[in-house]
Amino acid sequence: MFDQTFWTSPPWAGALKKYRLGLKPIPKNEWFSLPLDEKLLQHKTELLNNDYHSVVQTIDESQAAQQILLDHIKPKKNTYPDLIANMSLEVADDLCVIEASGKQRLIAASICSPSYWNLKTKIGKPLRDIHKPVTTLNEKIGSPIEKFIENAPLHQPFKRENWFIHSDDKRFHTKPESILRFNVESCFVRSERETLCKYHEKYTLFTINVRFQPLAAIKDFDSARKSLLDVIMSLDNEEMRYFGGERKVHILTKYLNSLS
C-alpha cells in the first residue's frame, strides 16, 4: 500500500486549500487510467449483489444519459437492471451522471466507496442542494463547479485530487466515523482521484477512484507533514465540521506537531 510518490507530492502539497476546485485537463486516454484490480472488483460485486440500492440509484429521466455513456464504457455483461451498475464493473471508478445544465441534478450513480455520504439522500438533487449543508463549501466549490460543468468543452476530461483522513481503510462510509474510535496512529489518508467530463451536451460524468495511504508514513516526509498541518489549521468552522469536527482537528494537529 505504501507509495513514496504519493508522499513526495501529496494532494495538499504547498498547503493547497482543502476545499477548492483544482480541476486540470487530462488526455482522454487517461480518463480511466487506473486498473480495476481483483480486490476492488470483489468489493463492488459483493455490494451490488447484497446491497444494491445502497450503491446504485437512478431516476427515470436518466435512461438516455446511461445509454449514451455506453459509448465510453462498454460492459461485458448486463447482470444488473441499471446500465450504470454494469458499467461500474468495467472501471476502478465510482460513477455519477449529472445534468450538464439546468438544475444539474445527480440522476444516476453507482457508488461503492462513499466517504461520509449516502447516495440514497443525494439522488435526484441539484448539486447546490447536495453541497447545501456547508455554506462555505457551496461558495468555494459548489458555484464554481456549476459554472464549470455548464461551460466545459465536450469530451474533454478534467482531473482533481481530493482527500480525507479516516480511522480505517474501509471503502464504504455513508456516515461520519465516531471520534471515540479515532486512533490517529492507525489512520489512513483516503485519496480520491476525481474526474469530470461532459460526454454529451446534456450530461456530465463525475468519477471517483479511491486509494489509501497509512498516515503514519508522514513521519518520514516533513514537507508533507508541514503542509498538511497548515491546511488543517486553515479550515473555517463549517469546513471543520464537514472534515470531522473540532475534536478530530485537534487530535490530528497534536499528532502532526509531535512528529516535528
Foldseek 3Di string as FASTA:
>chain_A
DADVVCLVPPQLFPLPAQQAAAKDWDDLVCQQVDACDPVLLVLLVVCCVPPVVQFKDADPVCQVVLVLCCVPFPAPDDPDPGSQSRSCSGGLKWKWKFWLDDLGAGGITGASFDDQATVVVRHRHRLCVVPVQQVVSCVRHVVVVNVCSLPPDASIKIKGKHKAKAQAPDRDDRHADDVVSRDLQAIKIKMWIWMWHRHDNTMIMIIIHIDIDGPNVNLVRLSSLVSVLSNLVPDDQSRQVVRPHDVVSVVSNVVSVVSD
